[in-house]
Amino acid sequence: RPYWLTPGEGSTLYFAAIWEAYPVQEQVWLSTAVITQPASSQRRPLILDAAGQEAWLNPETPLHALQALLASEPAALRERVLAN
């Protein structure tokens, strides 16, 4: 079911994701995946605040800090169902 998600006023949503570039014949293919928080009743993308963005994008961030981001409380969003 599709949803319309919005953050607080004047905010932008930043989703955690991973990517990879790999060669296929004579081309390079790009692949991406959005990171979701641990399963509950619904999967939600991991939404990053300013500190989370900095940690996620920094290759020096220790693994335990990234795991803490995955375990953090879901961001507060306004959700509206678009269709049944």
N, C-alpha and C. Protein backbone atom coordinates (compact mmCIF):
# COMPACT_ATOMS: atom_id res chain seq x y z
N ARG A 1 0.84 -1.16 0.00
CA ARG A 1 0.00 0.00 0.00
C ARG A 1 0.90 1.24 0.00
N PRO A 2 0.70 2.19 -0.89
CA PRO A 2 1.54 3.38 -0.94
C PRO A 2 1.18 4.39 0.16
N TYR A 3 2.21 5.05 0.67
CA TYR A 3 2.05 6.06 1.71
C TYR A 3 2.72 7.35 1.27
N TRP A 4 2.23 8.46 1.78
CA TRP A 4 2.86 9.75 1.63
C TRP A 4 3.51 10.03 2.98
N LEU A 5 4.84 10.19 3.01
CA LEU A 5 5.57 10.44 4.25
C LEU A 5 6.15 11.84 4.22
N THR A 6 6.00 12.57 5.32
CA THR A 6 6.60 13.89 5.41
C THR A 6 7.25 14.05 6.78
N PRO A 7 8.41 14.73 6.82
CA PRO A 7 9.07 15.02 8.09
C PRO A 7 8.47 16.28 8.70
N GLY A 8 9.13 16.79 9.74
CA GLY A 8 8.71 18.05 10.34
C GLY A 8 8.84 19.19 9.35
N GLU A 9 8.27 20.32 9.71
CA GLU A 9 8.28 21.49 8.83
C GLU A 9 9.69 21.87 8.41
N GLY A 10 9.87 22.11 7.13
CA GLY A 10 11.14 22.59 6.61
C GLY A 10 12.25 21.56 6.61
N SER A 11 11.93 20.30 6.83
CA SER A 11 12.96 19.26 6.90
C SER A 11 13.05 18.50 5.58
N THR A 12 14.16 17.82 5.43
CA THR A 12 14.37 16.94 4.29
C THR A 12 14.62 15.54 4.82
N LEU A 13 14.12 14.52 4.14
CA LEU A 13 14.36 13.14 4.54
C LEU A 13 15.67 12.65 3.92
N TYR A 14 16.54 12.09 4.74
CA TYR A 14 17.78 11.48 4.28
C TYR A 14 17.75 10.01 4.65
N PHE A 15 17.78 9.13 3.64
CA PHE A 15 17.71 7.69 3.85
C PHE A 15 19.11 7.08 3.80
N ALA A 16 19.38 6.14 4.70
CA ALA A 16 20.63 5.40 4.66
C ALA A 16 20.55 4.39 3.51
N ALA A 17 21.62 4.27 2.77
CA ALA A 17 21.66 3.34 1.64
C ALA A 17 23.09 2.85 1.44
N ILE A 18 23.22 1.78 0.68
CA ILE A 18 24.53 1.28 0.28
C ILE A 18 24.54 1.20 -1.25
N TRP A 19 25.73 1.20 -1.82
CA TRP A 19 25.83 1.09 -3.27
C TRP A 19 27.07 0.30 -3.63
N GLU A 20 27.09 -0.18 -4.86
CA GLU A 20 28.23 -0.92 -5.38
C GLU A 20 28.30 -0.70 -6.89
N ALA A 21 29.51 -0.59 -7.40
CA ALA A 21 29.74 -0.52 -8.84
C ALA A 21 30.45 -1.81 -9.24
N TYR A 22 29.94 -2.49 -10.25
CA TYR A 22 30.58 -3.73 -10.67
C TYR A 22 30.56 -3.84 -12.19
N PRO A 23 31.65 -4.41 -12.75
CA PRO A 23 31.75 -4.51 -14.20
C PRO A 23 30.92 -5.67 -14.75
N VAL A 24 30.25 -5.40 -15.86
CA VAL A 24 29.52 -6.42 -16.62
C VAL A 24 29.91 -6.21 -18.07
N GLN A 25 30.64 -7.16 -18.61
CA GLN A 25 31.21 -7.05 -19.95
C GLN A 25 32.02 -5.77 -20.04
N GLU A 26 31.65 -4.83 -20.87
CA GLU A 26 32.45 -3.61 -21.01
C GLU A 26 31.77 -2.40 -20.38
N GLN A 27 30.82 -2.64 -19.48
CA GLN A 27 30.12 -1.55 -18.80
C GLN A 27 30.27 -1.70 -17.29
N VAL A 28 30.01 -0.62 -16.59
CA VAL A 28 29.97 -0.66 -15.13
C VAL A 28 28.53 -0.45 -14.71
N TRP A 29 28.02 -1.38 -13.94
CA TRP A 29 26.65 -1.31 -13.44
C TRP A 29 26.67 -0.79 -12.01
N LEU A 30 25.71 0.05 -11.69
CA LEU A 30 25.58 0.57 -10.34
C LEU A 30 24.37 -0.08 -9.68
N SER A 31 24.54 -0.48 -8.44
CA SER A 31 23.46 -1.11 -7.69
C SER A 31 23.31 -0.39 -6.35
N THR A 32 22.08 -0.13 -5.95
CA THR A 32 21.84 0.52 -4.66
C THR A 32 20.78 -0.25 -3.88
N ALA A 33 20.79 -0.06 -2.57
CA ALA A 33 19.78 -0.65 -1.70
C ALA A 33 19.53 0.31 -0.54
N VAL A 34 18.28 0.55 -0.22
CA VAL A 34 17.92 1.38 0.92
C VAL A 34 17.95 0.49 2.16
N ILE A 35 18.54 1.00 3.23
CA ILE A 35 18.63 0.26 4.49
C ILE A 35 17.33 0.44 5.26
N THR A 36 16.77 -0.66 5.75
CA THR A 36 15.56 -0.58 6.57
C THR A 36 15.90 -0.94 8.01
N GLN A 37 15.07 -0.44 8.91
CA GLN A 37 15.24 -0.77 10.32
C GLN A 37 14.75 -2.19 10.56
N PRO A 38 15.15 -2.80 11.69
CA PRO A 38 14.72 -4.17 11.96
C PRO A 38 13.21 -4.32 11.83
N ALA A 39 12.81 -5.47 11.33
CA ALA A 39 11.40 -5.73 11.04
C ALA A 39 10.54 -5.65 12.29
N SER A 40 9.41 -5.03 12.14
CA SER A 40 8.34 -5.04 13.15
C SER A 40 7.09 -5.34 12.35
N SER A 41 6.05 -4.60 12.55
CA SER A 41 4.86 -4.84 11.73
C SER A 41 5.07 -4.33 10.31
N GLN A 42 5.89 -3.29 10.15
CA GLN A 42 6.18 -2.74 8.82
C GLN A 42 7.66 -2.37 8.77
N ARG A 43 8.27 -2.58 7.63
CA ARG A 43 9.65 -2.14 7.46
C ARG A 43 9.64 -0.65 7.13
N ARG A 44 10.58 0.07 7.75
CA ARG A 44 10.72 1.49 7.48
C ARG A 44 12.15 1.78 7.11
N PRO A 45 12.38 2.66 6.15
CA PRO A 45 13.75 3.02 5.81
C PRO A 45 14.42 3.70 7.00
N LEU A 46 15.72 3.52 7.12
CA LEU A 46 16.48 4.19 8.17
C LEU A 46 16.67 5.64 7.76
N ILE A 47 16.02 6.54 8.49
CA ILE A 47 16.09 7.97 8.21
C ILE A 47 17.14 8.57 9.11
N LEU A 48 18.05 9.33 8.52
CA LEU A 48 19.19 9.88 9.24
C LEU A 48 18.99 11.35 9.57
N ASP A 49 19.32 11.73 10.82
CA ASP A 49 19.38 13.14 11.17
C ASP A 49 20.77 13.65 10.79
N ALA A 50 21.10 14.90 11.13
CA ALA A 50 22.38 15.48 10.71
C ALA A 50 23.57 14.67 11.23
N ALA A 51 23.54 14.28 12.51
CA ALA A 51 24.65 13.50 13.08
C ALA A 51 24.72 12.12 12.42
N GLY A 52 23.57 11.52 12.17
CA GLY A 52 23.53 10.22 11.51
C GLY A 52 24.07 10.27 10.10
N GLN A 53 23.76 11.35 9.38
CA GLN A 53 24.28 11.52 8.02
C GLN A 53 25.80 11.56 8.03
N GLU A 54 26.34 12.34 8.96
CA GLU A 54 27.80 12.46 9.05
C GLU A 54 28.44 11.11 9.37
N ALA A 55 27.86 10.39 10.32
CA ALA A 55 28.41 9.08 10.69
C ALA A 55 28.29 8.09 9.54
N TRP A 56 27.13 8.06 8.87
CA TRP A 56 26.89 7.09 7.79
C TRP A 56 27.85 7.30 6.62
N LEU A 57 28.13 8.55 6.30
CA LEU A 57 28.96 8.86 5.14
C LEU A 57 30.46 8.85 5.42
N ASN A 58 30.84 8.81 6.69
CA ASN A 58 32.25 8.83 7.07
C ASN A 58 32.82 7.41 7.07
N PRO A 59 33.79 7.11 6.20
CA PRO A 59 34.34 5.75 6.15
C PRO A 59 35.10 5.36 7.41
N GLU A 60 35.41 6.33 8.28
CA GLU A 60 36.13 6.05 9.53
C GLU A 60 35.19 5.73 10.69
N THR A 61 33.89 5.82 10.49
CA THR A 61 32.94 5.54 11.57
C THR A 61 33.04 4.08 11.97
N PRO A 62 33.23 3.80 13.28
CA PRO A 62 33.34 2.41 13.72
C PRO A 62 32.03 1.64 13.53
N LEU A 63 32.16 0.35 13.33
CA LEU A 63 31.00 -0.51 13.10
C LEU A 63 29.96 -0.38 14.21
N HIS A 64 30.40 -0.32 15.47
CA HIS A 64 29.44 -0.24 16.57
C HIS A 64 28.59 1.03 16.50
N ALA A 65 29.15 2.12 15.98
CA ALA A 65 28.38 3.36 15.84
C ALA A 65 27.32 3.22 14.74
N LEU A 66 27.67 2.52 13.66
CA LEU A 66 26.70 2.28 12.59
C LEU A 66 25.59 1.34 13.06
N GLN A 67 25.95 0.34 13.85
CA GLN A 67 24.95 -0.57 14.40
C GLN A 67 24.01 0.16 15.34
N ALA A 68 24.53 1.15 16.07
CA ALA A 68 23.67 1.95 16.95
C ALA A 68 22.65 2.74 16.14
N LEU A 69 23.05 3.23 14.96
CA LEU A 69 22.10 3.93 14.09
C LEU A 69 20.96 3.01 13.69
N LEU A 70 21.29 1.76 13.36
CA LEU A 70 20.27 0.79 12.94
C LEU A 70 19.29 0.49 14.07
N ALA A 71 19.77 0.57 15.31
CA ALA A 71 18.92 0.24 16.46
C ALA A 71 18.19 1.46 17.01
N SER A 72 18.41 2.64 16.43
CA SER A 72 17.80 3.86 16.95
C SER A 72 16.29 3.87 16.73
N GLU A 73 15.61 4.70 17.50
CA GLU A 73 14.16 4.85 17.37
C GLU A 73 13.83 5.39 15.98
N PRO A 74 12.76 4.91 15.37
CA PRO A 74 12.36 5.43 14.06
C PRO A 74 12.06 6.93 14.14
N ALA A 75 12.38 7.63 13.09
CA ALA A 75 12.09 9.07 13.01
C ALA A 75 10.59 9.30 13.04
N ALA A 76 10.20 10.40 13.65
CA ALA A 76 8.78 10.77 13.67
C ALA A 76 8.39 11.33 12.31
N LEU A 77 7.42 10.71 11.69
CA LEU A 77 6.96 11.13 10.37
C LEU A 77 5.45 11.26 10.37
N ARG A 78 4.97 12.08 9.48
CA ARG A 78 3.53 12.12 9.21
C ARG A 78 3.27 11.15 8.07
N GLU A 79 2.35 10.22 8.28
CA GLU A 79 2.04 9.22 7.26
C GLU A 79 0.60 9.39 6.81
N ARG A 80 0.41 9.26 5.50
CA ARG A 80 -0.94 9.32 4.95
C ARG A 80 -1.06 8.25 3.87
N VAL A 81 -2.05 7.39 3.99
CA VAL A 81 -2.29 6.35 2.99
C VAL A 81 -2.79 7.01 1.72
N LEU A 82 -2.19 6.65 0.58
CA LEU A 82 -2.60 7.22 -0.70
C LEU A 82 -3.68 6.42 -1.39
N ALA A 83 -3.70 5.10 -1.18
CA ALA A 83 -4.69 4.25 -1.83
C ALA A 83 -4.91 3.01 -0.98
N ASN A 84 -6.04 2.37 -1.19
CA ASN A 84 -6.31 1.13 -0.44
C ASN A 84 -5.88 -0.08 -1.20
